[in-house]
Amino acid sequence: MPDFRSRIGKLIFTCVIAFCASIMFVAVIATTWAVGPESERKHFPVVGKLQILNAVEIEPGITEINARFTKRRDCEYVSVAWYVGHPNEENRQVRVQTIVEERQLQEVLSPSRPVGTAVAGPWRIAMSLNDFQNNSFAILTHRCHPFWLTTTNFYP
């Protein structure tokens, strides 16, 4: 009989350990999913801040910019979102248009740039020059890995 109790005891102990390990595994995954995107945004941005080379209001409510930035990580570009307002406050997204010259249409263009410093533009942003300079922000979205989309505070 002691042999039977010993086996039952070992089985129960093994089941308890497996259950605890499962709970810990799920907790680690959930925590990574909850904290990972914000931590990556803060500590491992895909690009540096946008440096404006020139900005001109070409017509009321439309600002055209040329800029420079440094891409730090080799991630696939997904989108840019530009907003009038401030993060964590009331804001609205506005249209951003990339102006492409005829000669560029004949080349193979990829929206993903290589790692390093790049000059970009002209971009037309649907806001006044004053709003652009004093009341706007931009967020870039990239795919760096299969777990989530990575966002970067791009401007200001």
N, C-alpha and C. Protein backbone atom coordinates (compact mmCIF):
# COMPACT_ATOMS: atom_id res chain seq x y z
N MET A 1 0.81 -1.21 0.00
CA MET A 1 0.00 0.00 0.00
C MET A 1 0.85 1.28 0.00
N PRO A 2 1.99 1.31 0.70
CA PRO A 2 2.78 2.53 0.68
C PRO A 2 3.24 2.88 -0.73
N ASP A 3 3.48 1.87 -1.57
CA ASP A 3 3.92 2.13 -2.94
C ASP A 3 2.82 2.86 -3.73
N PHE A 4 1.56 2.45 -3.54
CA PHE A 4 0.43 3.09 -4.21
C PHE A 4 0.29 4.54 -3.78
N ARG A 5 0.35 4.79 -2.46
CA ARG A 5 0.26 6.17 -1.94
C ARG A 5 1.41 7.03 -2.45
N SER A 6 2.56 6.48 -2.54
CA SER A 6 3.73 7.20 -3.03
C SER A 6 3.52 7.62 -4.49
N ARG A 7 2.98 6.69 -5.28
CA ARG A 7 2.74 7.00 -6.70
C ARG A 7 1.65 8.06 -6.85
N ILE A 8 0.60 7.95 -6.08
CA ILE A 8 -0.48 8.95 -6.11
C ILE A 8 0.07 10.31 -5.69
N GLY A 9 0.86 10.32 -4.64
CA GLY A 9 1.46 11.57 -4.16
C GLY A 9 2.34 12.22 -5.23
N LYS A 10 3.15 11.42 -5.91
CA LYS A 10 4.01 11.95 -6.98
C LYS A 10 3.17 12.46 -8.15
N LEU A 11 2.10 11.75 -8.48
CA LEU A 11 1.22 12.17 -9.56
C LEU A 11 0.55 13.50 -9.23
N ILE A 12 0.03 13.61 -8.00
CA ILE A 12 -0.60 14.87 -7.58
C ILE A 12 0.41 16.01 -7.60
N PHE A 13 1.61 15.75 -7.09
CA PHE A 13 2.66 16.77 -7.08
C PHE A 13 2.99 17.21 -8.50
N THR A 14 3.12 16.25 -9.41
CA THR A 14 3.43 16.56 -10.81
C THR A 14 2.31 17.37 -11.44
N CYS A 15 1.07 17.02 -11.17
CA CYS A 15 -0.08 17.77 -11.70
C CYS A 15 -0.11 19.20 -11.17
N VAL A 16 0.17 19.37 -9.90
CA VAL A 16 0.20 20.72 -9.31
C VAL A 16 1.31 21.55 -9.95
N ILE A 17 2.48 20.97 -10.13
CA ILE A 17 3.60 21.68 -10.77
C ILE A 17 3.23 22.06 -12.20
N ALA A 18 2.64 21.13 -12.95
CA ALA A 18 2.24 21.41 -14.34
C ALA A 18 1.19 22.52 -14.39
N PHE A 19 0.23 22.48 -13.47
CA PHE A 19 -0.80 23.53 -13.42
C PHE A 19 -0.19 24.89 -13.13
N CYS A 20 0.71 24.95 -12.14
CA CYS A 20 1.37 26.22 -11.79
C CYS A 20 2.22 26.73 -12.95
N ALA A 21 2.93 25.82 -13.62
CA ALA A 21 3.75 26.21 -14.77
C ALA A 21 2.87 26.76 -15.89
N SER A 22 1.71 26.16 -16.11
CA SER A 22 0.78 26.64 -17.14
C SER A 22 0.29 28.04 -16.82
N ILE A 23 -0.07 28.27 -15.57
CA ILE A 23 -0.53 29.60 -15.15
C ILE A 23 0.59 30.62 -15.34
N MET A 24 1.81 30.27 -14.96
CA MET A 24 2.94 31.20 -15.13
C MET A 24 3.19 31.49 -16.61
N PHE A 25 3.09 30.47 -17.46
CA PHE A 25 3.30 30.66 -18.89
C PHE A 25 2.26 31.62 -19.47
N VAL A 26 1.00 31.42 -19.13
CA VAL A 26 -0.07 32.29 -19.61
C VAL A 26 0.13 33.72 -19.08
N ALA A 27 0.54 33.86 -17.83
CA ALA A 27 0.77 35.19 -17.25
C ALA A 27 1.91 35.91 -17.96
N VAL A 28 2.98 35.19 -18.28
CA VAL A 28 4.11 35.80 -18.99
C VAL A 28 3.68 36.26 -20.38
N ILE A 29 2.95 35.43 -21.10
CA ILE A 29 2.47 35.79 -22.44
C ILE A 29 1.54 37.01 -22.36
N ALA A 30 0.60 37.00 -21.44
CA ALA A 30 -0.34 38.12 -21.30
C ALA A 30 0.39 39.41 -20.93
N THR A 31 1.35 39.32 -20.05
CA THR A 31 2.12 40.51 -19.65
C THR A 31 2.94 41.04 -20.82
N THR A 32 3.56 40.15 -21.56
CA THR A 32 4.33 40.57 -22.73
C THR A 32 3.44 41.28 -23.72
N TRP A 33 2.25 40.73 -23.98
CA TRP A 33 1.33 41.35 -24.92
C TRP A 33 0.83 42.70 -24.41
N ALA A 34 0.66 42.85 -23.12
CA ALA A 34 0.17 44.10 -22.56
C ALA A 34 1.25 45.17 -22.49
N VAL A 35 2.45 44.79 -22.14
CA VAL A 35 3.53 45.75 -21.91
C VAL A 35 4.43 45.90 -23.14
N GLY A 36 4.52 44.87 -23.96
CA GLY A 36 5.46 44.85 -25.08
C GLY A 36 5.34 46.00 -26.06
N PRO A 37 4.15 46.27 -26.62
CA PRO A 37 4.05 47.34 -27.61
C PRO A 37 4.48 48.71 -27.08
N GLU A 38 4.04 49.06 -25.89
CA GLU A 38 4.41 50.37 -25.32
C GLU A 38 5.89 50.42 -24.98
N SER A 39 6.43 49.34 -24.46
CA SER A 39 7.85 49.29 -24.14
C SER A 39 8.69 49.40 -25.41
N GLU A 40 8.26 48.71 -26.46
CA GLU A 40 8.99 48.79 -27.74
C GLU A 40 8.93 50.21 -28.30
N ARG A 41 7.78 50.85 -28.22
CA ARG A 41 7.62 52.22 -28.72
C ARG A 41 8.56 53.17 -27.99
N LYS A 42 8.64 53.00 -26.68
CA LYS A 42 9.44 53.92 -25.87
C LYS A 42 10.94 53.65 -25.96
N HIS A 43 11.34 52.38 -25.93
CA HIS A 43 12.76 52.06 -25.81
C HIS A 43 13.43 51.64 -27.11
N PHE A 44 12.66 51.23 -28.10
CA PHE A 44 13.23 50.75 -29.37
C PHE A 44 12.48 51.34 -30.57
N PRO A 45 12.45 52.66 -30.71
CA PRO A 45 11.72 53.24 -31.85
C PRO A 45 12.35 52.82 -33.18
N VAL A 46 11.51 52.69 -34.19
CA VAL A 46 11.98 52.29 -35.50
C VAL A 46 12.73 53.43 -36.17
N VAL A 47 12.25 54.65 -35.99
CA VAL A 47 12.88 55.82 -36.59
C VAL A 47 13.10 56.89 -35.53
N GLY A 48 14.04 57.80 -35.82
CA GLY A 48 14.24 58.96 -34.96
C GLY A 48 13.20 60.02 -35.29
N LYS A 49 13.25 61.11 -34.57
CA LYS A 49 12.30 62.19 -34.80
C LYS A 49 12.49 62.82 -36.17
N LEU A 50 11.39 63.26 -36.77
CA LEU A 50 11.40 63.92 -38.06
C LEU A 50 12.01 65.30 -37.92
N GLN A 51 12.98 65.62 -38.77
CA GLN A 51 13.58 66.95 -38.82
C GLN A 51 13.03 67.66 -40.05
N ILE A 52 12.34 68.76 -39.83
CA ILE A 52 11.72 69.48 -40.94
C ILE A 52 12.77 70.32 -41.64
N LEU A 53 12.95 70.12 -42.94
CA LEU A 53 13.90 70.91 -43.72
C LEU A 53 13.25 72.18 -44.22
N ASN A 54 12.00 72.09 -44.66
CA ASN A 54 11.22 73.28 -45.00
C ASN A 54 9.73 72.93 -44.95
N ALA A 55 8.94 73.92 -44.63
CA ALA A 55 7.48 73.76 -44.56
C ALA A 55 6.85 75.03 -45.09
N VAL A 56 5.93 74.88 -46.06
CA VAL A 56 5.29 76.03 -46.69
C VAL A 56 3.80 75.73 -46.83
N GLU A 57 2.98 76.72 -46.49
CA GLU A 57 1.54 76.56 -46.70
C GLU A 57 1.27 76.92 -48.15
N ILE A 58 1.03 75.91 -49.01
CA ILE A 58 0.91 76.16 -50.45
C ILE A 58 -0.48 76.65 -50.83
N GLU A 59 -1.45 76.38 -49.99
CA GLU A 59 -2.80 76.93 -50.13
C GLU A 59 -3.44 76.84 -48.76
N PRO A 60 -4.52 77.58 -48.52
CA PRO A 60 -5.11 77.55 -47.18
C PRO A 60 -5.46 76.12 -46.74
N GLY A 61 -4.90 75.72 -45.61
CA GLY A 61 -5.19 74.41 -45.06
C GLY A 61 -4.36 73.27 -45.62
N ILE A 62 -3.37 73.57 -46.48
CA ILE A 62 -2.49 72.53 -47.04
C ILE A 62 -1.04 72.98 -46.86
N THR A 63 -0.29 72.20 -46.09
CA THR A 63 1.12 72.50 -45.85
C THR A 63 1.97 71.44 -46.54
N GLU A 64 2.98 71.90 -47.26
CA GLU A 64 3.90 70.99 -47.93
C GLU A 64 5.23 71.01 -47.19
N ILE A 65 5.77 69.81 -46.90
CA ILE A 65 7.02 69.72 -46.15
C ILE A 65 8.03 68.84 -46.88
N ASN A 66 9.28 69.12 -46.61
CA ASN A 66 10.40 68.23 -46.92
C ASN A 66 11.09 67.99 -45.60
N ALA A 67 11.57 66.78 -45.40
CA ALA A 67 12.10 66.44 -44.09
C ALA A 67 13.22 65.42 -44.21
N ARG A 68 13.82 65.17 -43.05
CA ARG A 68 14.88 64.16 -42.94
C ARG A 68 14.63 63.37 -41.66
N PHE A 69 14.97 62.11 -41.69
CA PHE A 69 14.86 61.28 -40.49
C PHE A 69 15.84 60.12 -40.61
N THR A 70 16.09 59.48 -39.48
CA THR A 70 16.98 58.32 -39.46
C THR A 70 16.18 57.08 -39.09
N LYS A 71 16.24 56.09 -39.97
CA LYS A 71 15.60 54.81 -39.68
C LYS A 71 16.61 53.98 -38.92
N ARG A 72 16.23 53.53 -37.73
CA ARG A 72 17.14 52.81 -36.83
C ARG A 72 17.03 51.30 -36.93
N ARG A 73 15.85 50.81 -37.31
CA ARG A 73 15.62 49.37 -37.33
C ARG A 73 15.08 48.96 -38.69
N ASP A 74 15.42 47.77 -39.13
CA ASP A 74 14.98 47.26 -40.43
C ASP A 74 13.60 46.62 -40.28
N CYS A 75 12.57 47.46 -40.33
CA CYS A 75 11.19 47.00 -40.21
C CYS A 75 10.42 47.44 -41.45
N GLU A 76 9.35 46.73 -41.76
CA GLU A 76 8.53 47.03 -42.93
C GLU A 76 7.56 48.18 -42.61
N TYR A 77 7.60 49.23 -43.43
CA TYR A 77 6.70 50.38 -43.28
C TYR A 77 5.26 49.94 -43.53
N VAL A 78 4.34 50.41 -42.68
CA VAL A 78 2.91 50.13 -42.85
C VAL A 78 2.16 51.41 -43.17
N SER A 79 2.32 52.46 -42.31
CA SER A 79 1.55 53.69 -42.54
C SER A 79 2.10 54.85 -41.71
N VAL A 80 1.66 56.04 -42.11
CA VAL A 80 1.90 57.25 -41.31
C VAL A 80 0.53 57.84 -41.00
N ALA A 81 0.35 58.31 -39.78
CA ALA A 81 -0.89 58.98 -39.38
C ALA A 81 -0.51 60.32 -38.78
N TRP A 82 -1.10 61.40 -39.32
CA TRP A 82 -0.81 62.75 -38.84
C TRP A 82 -2.09 63.31 -38.22
N TYR A 83 -1.92 64.00 -37.10
CA TYR A 83 -3.07 64.48 -36.34
C TYR A 83 -2.94 65.96 -36.01
N VAL A 84 -4.09 66.65 -36.02
CA VAL A 84 -4.18 68.01 -35.47
C VAL A 84 -4.64 67.82 -34.04
N GLY A 85 -3.91 68.42 -33.11
CA GLY A 85 -4.21 68.26 -31.69
C GLY A 85 -3.00 67.72 -30.98
N HIS A 86 -3.22 67.17 -29.82
CA HIS A 86 -2.12 66.63 -29.01
C HIS A 86 -2.45 65.20 -28.58
N PRO A 87 -1.42 64.36 -28.42
CA PRO A 87 -1.68 62.99 -27.96
C PRO A 87 -2.38 63.01 -26.60
N ASN A 88 -3.22 62.05 -26.36
CA ASN A 88 -3.97 61.90 -25.10
C ASN A 88 -4.95 63.04 -24.86
N GLU A 89 -5.19 63.85 -25.86
CA GLU A 89 -6.20 64.90 -25.79
C GLU A 89 -7.07 64.77 -27.05
N GLU A 90 -8.01 65.69 -27.20
CA GLU A 90 -8.84 65.66 -28.39
C GLU A 90 -7.97 65.96 -29.61
N ASN A 91 -8.10 65.13 -30.65
CA ASN A 91 -7.35 65.34 -31.88
C ASN A 91 -8.12 64.71 -33.03
N ARG A 92 -7.69 65.02 -34.25
CA ARG A 92 -8.31 64.40 -35.43
C ARG A 92 -7.23 64.11 -36.46
N GLN A 93 -7.39 62.99 -37.12
CA GLN A 93 -6.42 62.59 -38.14
C GLN A 93 -6.68 63.37 -39.43
N VAL A 94 -5.58 63.75 -40.11
CA VAL A 94 -5.68 64.47 -41.38
C VAL A 94 -4.97 63.68 -42.47
N ARG A 95 -5.26 64.05 -43.69
CA ARG A 95 -4.69 63.36 -44.85
C ARG A 95 -3.24 63.77 -45.06
N VAL A 96 -2.41 62.79 -45.44
CA VAL A 96 -1.02 63.03 -45.83
C VAL A 96 -0.86 62.47 -47.23
N GLN A 97 -0.34 63.30 -48.14
CA GLN A 97 -0.16 62.87 -49.52
C GLN A 97 1.31 62.99 -49.90
N THR A 98 1.87 61.93 -50.45
CA THR A 98 3.23 61.96 -50.95
C THR A 98 3.18 62.41 -52.40
N ILE A 99 3.98 63.41 -52.74
CA ILE A 99 4.04 63.91 -54.11
C ILE A 99 5.15 63.17 -54.84
N VAL A 100 4.79 62.48 -55.90
CA VAL A 100 5.75 61.67 -56.66
C VAL A 100 5.92 62.28 -58.05
N GLU A 101 7.18 62.52 -58.44
CA GLU A 101 7.45 63.06 -59.76
C GLU A 101 7.33 61.96 -60.81
N GLU A 102 7.14 62.36 -62.07
CA GLU A 102 6.95 61.41 -63.16
C GLU A 102 8.12 60.42 -63.27
N ARG A 103 9.36 60.88 -63.12
CA ARG A 103 10.51 59.99 -63.25
C ARG A 103 10.52 58.94 -62.13
N GLN A 104 9.98 59.28 -60.95
CA GLN A 104 9.94 58.33 -59.86
C GLN A 104 8.90 57.24 -60.09
N LEU A 105 7.87 57.54 -60.90
CA LEU A 105 6.85 56.54 -61.18
C LEU A 105 7.42 55.38 -61.99
N GLN A 106 8.48 55.65 -62.77
CA GLN A 106 9.09 54.61 -63.60
C GLN A 106 10.04 53.72 -62.80
N GLU A 107 10.49 54.19 -61.64
CA GLU A 107 11.38 53.40 -60.81
C GLU A 107 10.56 52.49 -59.90
N VAL A 108 11.19 51.45 -59.39
CA VAL A 108 10.52 50.59 -58.42
C VAL A 108 10.63 51.27 -57.07
N LEU A 109 9.50 51.64 -56.53
CA LEU A 109 9.49 52.34 -55.24
C LEU A 109 8.96 51.42 -54.17
N SER A 110 9.66 51.37 -53.07
CA SER A 110 9.18 50.63 -51.91
C SER A 110 8.93 51.64 -50.81
N PRO A 111 7.80 51.56 -50.13
CA PRO A 111 7.57 52.51 -49.05
C PRO A 111 8.48 52.25 -47.85
N SER A 112 9.10 51.06 -47.78
CA SER A 112 10.04 50.77 -46.70
C SER A 112 11.42 51.25 -47.11
N ARG A 113 12.02 52.04 -46.26
CA ARG A 113 13.36 52.57 -46.55
C ARG A 113 14.40 51.73 -45.83
N PRO A 114 15.63 51.78 -46.33
CA PRO A 114 16.70 51.06 -45.63
C PRO A 114 17.08 51.78 -44.33
N VAL A 115 17.77 51.08 -43.46
CA VAL A 115 18.27 51.68 -42.23
C VAL A 115 19.26 52.79 -42.61
N GLY A 116 19.18 53.91 -41.90
CA GLY A 116 20.07 55.04 -42.17
C GLY A 116 19.28 56.32 -42.30
N THR A 117 19.95 57.39 -42.70
CA THR A 117 19.32 58.70 -42.83
C THR A 117 18.67 58.82 -44.20
N ALA A 118 17.45 59.34 -44.22
CA ALA A 118 16.70 59.49 -45.47
C ALA A 118 16.12 60.90 -45.54
N VAL A 119 16.04 61.42 -46.76
CA VAL A 119 15.35 62.68 -47.02
C VAL A 119 14.01 62.31 -47.63
N ALA A 120 12.96 62.93 -47.15
CA ALA A 120 11.60 62.58 -47.58
C ALA A 120 10.86 63.83 -48.02
N GLY A 121 9.95 63.65 -48.93
CA GLY A 121 9.10 64.75 -49.36
C GLY A 121 9.22 64.96 -50.86
N PRO A 122 8.41 65.85 -51.34
CA PRO A 122 7.46 66.63 -50.55
C PRO A 122 6.23 65.81 -50.14
N TRP A 123 5.78 66.12 -48.93
CA TRP A 123 4.54 65.56 -48.40
C TRP A 123 3.57 66.73 -48.23
N ARG A 124 2.34 66.52 -48.61
CA ARG A 124 1.29 67.53 -48.40
C ARG A 124 0.41 67.04 -47.27
N ILE A 125 0.28 67.90 -46.27
CA ILE A 125 -0.48 67.56 -45.07
C ILE A 125 -1.67 68.51 -44.98
N ALA A 126 -2.85 67.97 -44.78
CA ALA A 126 -4.09 68.76 -44.79
C ALA A 126 -4.27 69.51 -43.47
N MET A 127 -3.45 70.54 -43.28
CA MET A 127 -3.58 71.44 -42.12
C MET A 127 -2.82 72.71 -42.41
N SER A 128 -3.15 73.76 -41.68
CA SER A 128 -2.46 75.03 -41.86
C SER A 128 -1.02 74.91 -41.36
N LEU A 129 -0.16 75.82 -41.81
CA LEU A 129 1.24 75.84 -41.36
C LEU A 129 1.31 76.06 -39.86
N ASN A 130 0.45 76.94 -39.34
CA ASN A 130 0.43 77.20 -37.90
C ASN A 130 0.07 75.94 -37.12
N ASP A 131 -0.98 75.23 -37.55
CA ASP A 131 -1.34 73.98 -36.88
C ASP A 131 -0.21 72.97 -36.99
N PHE A 132 0.39 72.87 -38.17
CA PHE A 132 1.49 71.92 -38.36
C PHE A 132 2.62 72.20 -37.37
N GLN A 133 3.00 73.44 -37.23
CA GLN A 133 4.14 73.79 -36.37
C GLN A 133 3.81 73.74 -34.88
N ASN A 134 2.56 74.04 -34.51
CA ASN A 134 2.24 74.21 -33.10
C ASN A 134 1.20 73.25 -32.52
N ASN A 135 0.52 72.52 -33.37
CA ASN A 135 -0.62 71.76 -32.86
C ASN A 135 -0.80 70.44 -33.64
N SER A 136 0.31 69.72 -33.86
CA SER A 136 0.18 68.47 -34.60
C SER A 136 1.19 67.44 -34.11
N PHE A 137 0.90 66.19 -34.43
CA PHE A 137 1.84 65.10 -34.15
C PHE A 137 1.62 64.01 -35.18
N ALA A 138 2.65 63.18 -35.36
CA ALA A 138 2.57 62.09 -36.32
C ALA A 138 3.08 60.80 -35.69
N ILE A 139 2.48 59.71 -36.11
CA ILE A 139 2.86 58.38 -35.62
C ILE A 139 3.08 57.48 -36.84
N LEU A 140 4.22 56.81 -36.86
CA LEU A 140 4.51 55.83 -37.90
C LEU A 140 4.20 54.44 -37.39
N THR A 141 3.76 53.58 -38.29
CA THR A 141 3.50 52.19 -37.95
C THR A 141 4.34 51.29 -38.85
N HIS A 142 5.01 50.32 -38.23
CA HIS A 142 5.84 49.35 -38.94
C HIS A 142 5.52 47.95 -38.45
N ARG A 143 5.89 46.97 -39.27
CA ARG A 143 5.84 45.57 -38.85
C ARG A 143 7.28 45.11 -38.68
N CYS A 144 7.67 44.88 -37.42
CA CYS A 144 9.03 44.46 -37.10
C CYS A 144 9.12 42.97 -36.79
N HIS A 145 8.00 42.37 -36.43
CA HIS A 145 7.94 40.97 -36.02
C HIS A 145 6.48 40.54 -36.10
N PRO A 146 6.20 39.28 -35.93
CA PRO A 146 4.82 38.80 -36.11
C PRO A 146 3.88 39.04 -34.92
N PHE A 147 4.35 39.61 -33.82
CA PHE A 147 3.53 39.69 -32.62
C PHE A 147 2.56 40.86 -32.61
N TRP A 148 2.98 42.06 -33.00
CA TRP A 148 2.12 43.23 -33.03
C TRP A 148 2.73 44.25 -33.98
N LEU A 149 1.95 45.26 -34.34
CA LEU A 149 2.48 46.37 -35.14
C LEU A 149 3.22 47.30 -34.19
N THR A 150 4.34 47.82 -34.66
CA THR A 150 5.18 48.69 -33.85
C THR A 150 4.93 50.13 -34.25
N THR A 151 4.57 50.99 -33.29
CA THR A 151 4.34 52.41 -33.59
C THR A 151 5.49 53.24 -33.02
N THR A 152 5.76 54.35 -33.70
CA THR A 152 6.82 55.26 -33.28
C THR A 152 6.29 56.68 -33.32
N ASN A 153 6.51 57.43 -32.24
CA ASN A 153 6.17 58.85 -32.24
C ASN A 153 7.17 59.54 -33.18
N PHE A 154 6.68 60.06 -34.30
CA PHE A 154 7.52 60.54 -35.38
C PHE A 154 7.70 62.06 -35.36
N TYR A 155 6.67 62.78 -35.01
CA TYR A 155 6.72 64.25 -35.00
C TYR A 155 5.76 64.73 -33.93
N PRO A 156 6.05 65.74 -33.16
CA PRO A 156 7.27 66.56 -33.20
C PRO A 156 8.45 65.89 -32.57
